[in-house]
Protein backbone atom coordinates (compact mmCIF):
# COMPACT_ATOMS: atom_id res chain seq x y z
CA UNK A 1 -7.55 22.05 35.01
CA UNK A 2 -9.04 18.71 34.16
CA UNK A 3 -8.25 15.62 32.16
CA UNK A 4 -9.90 14.44 28.95
CA UNK A 5 -9.37 10.98 27.47
CA UNK A 6 -9.32 10.52 23.72
CA UNK A 7 -9.88 7.05 22.35
CA UNK A 8 -7.42 6.18 19.59
CA UNK A 9 -6.75 3.15 17.46
CA UNK A 10 -3.39 1.76 16.50
CA UNK A 11 -3.77 0.41 12.97
CA UNK A 12 -1.23 -1.72 11.15
CA UNK A 13 -0.61 -2.90 7.61
CA UNK A 14 1.57 -5.71 6.27
CA UNK A 15 3.55 -4.57 3.23
CA UNK A 16 4.35 -8.09 2.06
CA UNK A 17 2.42 -7.44 -1.14
CA UNK A 18 2.84 -4.74 -3.75
CA UNK A 19 1.45 -1.31 -2.92
CA UNK A 20 -0.90 0.18 -5.52
CA UNK A 21 0.43 3.01 -7.65
CA UNK A 22 -0.85 6.35 -6.31
CA UNK A 23 -3.05 8.35 -8.70
CA UNK A 24 -3.26 12.13 -8.48
CA UNK A 25 -5.86 14.39 -10.06
CA UNK A 26 -4.71 16.78 -12.76
CA UNK A 27 -2.65 19.66 -11.39
CA UNK A 28 -1.26 17.84 -8.35
CA UNK A 29 2.25 16.47 -7.93
CA UNK A 30 4.37 14.78 -5.29
CA UNK A 31 7.34 16.64 -3.83
CA UNK A 32 9.99 14.49 -2.16
CA UNK A 33 11.73 15.25 1.09
CA UNK A 34 14.31 18.00 1.22
CA UNK A 35 15.55 19.65 4.42
CA UNK A 36 14.76 23.05 2.95
CA UNK A 37 11.06 22.08 3.03
CA UNK A 38 10.77 21.47 6.78
CA UNK A 39 8.91 24.78 7.25
CA UNK A 40 6.59 23.96 4.36
CA UNK A 41 5.71 20.61 5.98
CA UNK A 42 5.04 22.48 9.24
CA UNK A 43 2.77 25.02 7.55
CA UNK A 44 0.77 22.37 5.67
CA UNK A 45 0.50 20.33 8.88
CA UNK A 46 -0.85 23.40 10.71
CA UNK A 47 -3.35 24.26 7.94
CA UNK A 48 -4.50 20.62 7.82
CA UNK A 49 -4.99 20.04 11.55
CA UNK A 50 -5.70 23.41 13.20
CA UNK A 51 -9.49 22.98 13.20
CA UNK A 52 -9.60 19.19 13.53
CA UNK A 53 -10.09 16.98 16.57
CA UNK A 54 -6.42 16.02 16.54
CA UNK A 55 -5.51 19.58 17.52
CA UNK A 56 -7.38 18.85 20.78
CA UNK A 57 -5.57 15.55 21.23
CA UNK A 58 -2.19 17.07 20.30
CA UNK A 59 -2.37 20.83 20.96
CA UNK A 60 0.84 21.45 18.98
CA UNK A 61 -1.14 20.63 15.80
CA UNK A 62 -3.39 23.63 16.39
CA UNK A 63 -0.49 26.06 16.63
CA UNK A 64 1.93 27.01 13.84
CA UNK A 65 4.91 27.22 16.23
CA UNK A 66 3.95 23.81 17.63
CA UNK A 67 3.82 22.31 14.14
CA UNK A 68 7.18 23.85 13.37
CA UNK A 69 8.75 22.32 16.50
CA UNK A 70 7.08 18.97 15.79
CA UNK A 71 8.30 18.88 12.19
CA UNK A 72 11.84 19.76 13.27
CA UNK A 73 11.73 16.94 15.85
CA UNK A 74 10.38 14.41 13.35
CA UNK A 75 13.00 15.26 10.74
CA UNK A 76 15.81 14.90 13.32
CA UNK A 77 14.73 11.50 14.68
CA UNK A 78 17.29 8.75 14.14
CA UNK A 79 14.71 6.68 12.24
CA UNK A 80 13.42 9.48 10.00
CA UNK A 81 12.66 8.08 6.52
CA UNK A 82 12.86 10.57 3.65
CA UNK A 83 11.45 8.00 1.16
CA UNK A 84 8.22 7.90 3.24
CA UNK A 85 7.98 11.69 3.70
CA UNK A 86 6.16 13.70 1.04
CA UNK A 87 4.41 16.92 0.23
CA UNK A 88 1.63 17.41 -2.31
CA UNK A 89 1.74 20.50 -4.47
CA UNK A 90 -1.09 21.94 -6.54
CA UNK A 91 -0.29 23.80 -9.75
CA UNK A 92 -3.39 25.61 -11.03
CA UNK A 93 -4.23 25.37 -14.74
CA UNK A 94 -2.91 28.16 -16.99
CA UNK A 95 -6.30 29.91 -16.96
CA UNK A 96 -5.96 30.40 -13.18
CA UNK A 97 -2.24 31.15 -13.02
CA UNK A 98 -2.81 34.31 -10.99
CA UNK A 99 -2.91 31.78 -8.17
CA UNK A 100 0.59 30.45 -7.52
CA UNK A 101 1.47 26.84 -6.84
CA UNK A 102 0.59 25.82 -3.32
CA UNK A 103 1.40 22.97 -1.00
CA UNK A 104 -1.73 21.13 0.07
CA UNK A 105 -0.73 17.82 1.69
CA UNK A 106 1.93 16.34 3.95
CA UNK A 107 2.96 12.98 5.38
CA UNK A 108 6.00 11.88 7.36
CA UNK A 109 7.40 8.45 8.05
CA UNK A 110 9.93 7.06 10.49
CA UNK A 111 11.37 3.66 11.37
CA UNK A 112 10.65 3.03 15.05
CA UNK A 113 12.98 1.30 17.51
CA UNK A 114 11.38 -2.07 16.69
CA UNK A 115 12.04 -1.72 12.96
CA UNK A 116 8.45 -0.94 12.03
CA UNK A 117 7.38 1.96 9.86
CA UNK A 118 5.39 4.66 11.63
CA UNK A 119 3.21 7.24 9.91
CA UNK A 120 3.58 10.46 11.87
CA UNK A 121 0.97 12.67 10.25
CA UNK A 122 -1.15 12.62 7.12
CA UNK A 123 -2.79 15.95 6.45
CA UNK A 124 -4.64 17.54 3.53
CA UNK A 125 -5.65 21.21 3.74
CA UNK A 126 -9.46 21.56 3.85
CA UNK A 127 -9.95 23.20 0.42
CA UNK A 128 -8.35 20.19 -1.30
CA UNK A 129 -10.08 17.33 0.52
CA UNK A 130 -12.42 14.85 -1.12
CA UNK A 131 -10.27 14.22 -4.21
CA UNK A 132 -8.38 11.11 -3.12
CA UNK A 133 -5.27 13.08 -2.14
CA UNK A 134 -4.97 11.43 1.28
CA UNK A 135 -5.11 8.00 -0.36
CA UNK A 136 -2.45 8.98 -2.92
CA UNK A 137 -0.16 10.47 -0.28
CA UNK A 138 -0.50 7.39 1.95
CA UNK A 139 0.24 5.05 -0.97
CA UNK A 140 3.34 7.10 -1.87
CA UNK A 141 4.55 6.86 1.74
CA UNK A 142 3.87 3.11 1.87
CA UNK A 143 5.96 2.68 -1.28
CA UNK A 144 8.72 4.60 0.51
CA UNK A 145 8.55 2.25 3.49
CA UNK A 146 8.77 -0.72 1.14
CA UNK A 147 11.76 0.81 -0.67
CA UNK A 148 13.44 1.16 2.74
CA UNK A 149 12.91 -2.56 3.35
CA UNK A 150 10.13 -2.28 5.94
CA UNK A 151 7.32 -4.81 5.89
CA UNK A 152 5.09 -3.53 8.71
CA UNK A 153 3.72 0.01 9.12
CA UNK A 154 1.50 1.43 11.82
CA UNK A 155 -0.30 4.65 12.61
CA UNK A 156 -2.55 5.97 15.33
CA UNK A 157 -5.87 7.61 14.63
CA UNK A 158 -8.46 9.24 16.87
CA UNK A 159 -11.54 6.99 17.07
CA UNK A 160 -13.88 9.88 16.14
CA UNK A 161 -12.07 10.43 12.82
CA UNK A 162 -14.41 8.23 10.78
CA UNK A 163 -13.16 9.40 7.38
CA UNK A 164 -9.53 8.62 8.17
CA UNK A 165 -10.40 5.22 9.65
CA UNK A 166 -12.44 4.37 6.54
CA UNK A 167 -9.52 5.36 4.29
CA UNK A 168 -7.00 3.34 6.30
CA UNK A 169 -9.21 0.25 6.25
CA UNK A 170 -9.70 0.58 2.48
CA UNK A 171 -5.92 0.64 2.10
CA UNK A 172 -5.53 -2.54 4.16
CA UNK A 173 -4.78 -1.24 7.65
CA UNK A 174 -6.32 -3.27 10.46
CA UNK A 175 -7.03 -2.19 14.02
CA UNK A 176 -4.38 -3.73 16.26
CA UNK A 177 -5.41 -2.19 19.58
CA UNK A 178 -7.22 0.65 21.33
CA UNK A 179 -5.28 3.20 23.32
CA UNK A 180 -6.26 6.28 25.26
CA UNK A 181 -4.49 9.62 25.10
CA UNK A 182 -4.84 11.75 28.23
CA UNK A 183 -4.92 15.50 27.63
CA UNK A 184 -4.95 18.23 30.26
CA UNK A 185 -7.62 20.83 29.50
CA UNK A 186 -8.39 24.15 31.10
CA UNK A 187 -11.99 24.71 32.06
CA UNK A 188 -13.35 28.22 31.67
């Protein structure tokens, strides 16, 4: 066994100003939090992260059972915020209705012990990336934090995730500090 260090950034945003209205492409819709959807959040989280660097940083993201445990833990936290927790659903056009509606994005929010909002995970399944869905989902969550009376929100992102960092900066997040996540890895 050995140790690997992953460089991560804590990024923060001040919600003192209005959050832009999220725009979704045709066929997509937001689905608000409901306890009956905890397994759906877990599945979308798994499909979004299983082949990404974050599944190395947080091995539970690369495993369906791990995502299921993680989602159950998040939804049971004392600071869990349903208004900042969303799914994205895709409803294919009538000409493609042989394909059923599917869930393609997830985000969760909590209020931490210091009264700040914390984004837990933002994930879009690979086949639906590149359409602005991550931006829309983040804006919807930020509106939820505002509705809950929070004025500061933070997240952590792996430094190698250039696309996510670019998105967060475009939305107004600023790097607050650099942290390192230590992960035990097995060498073969």
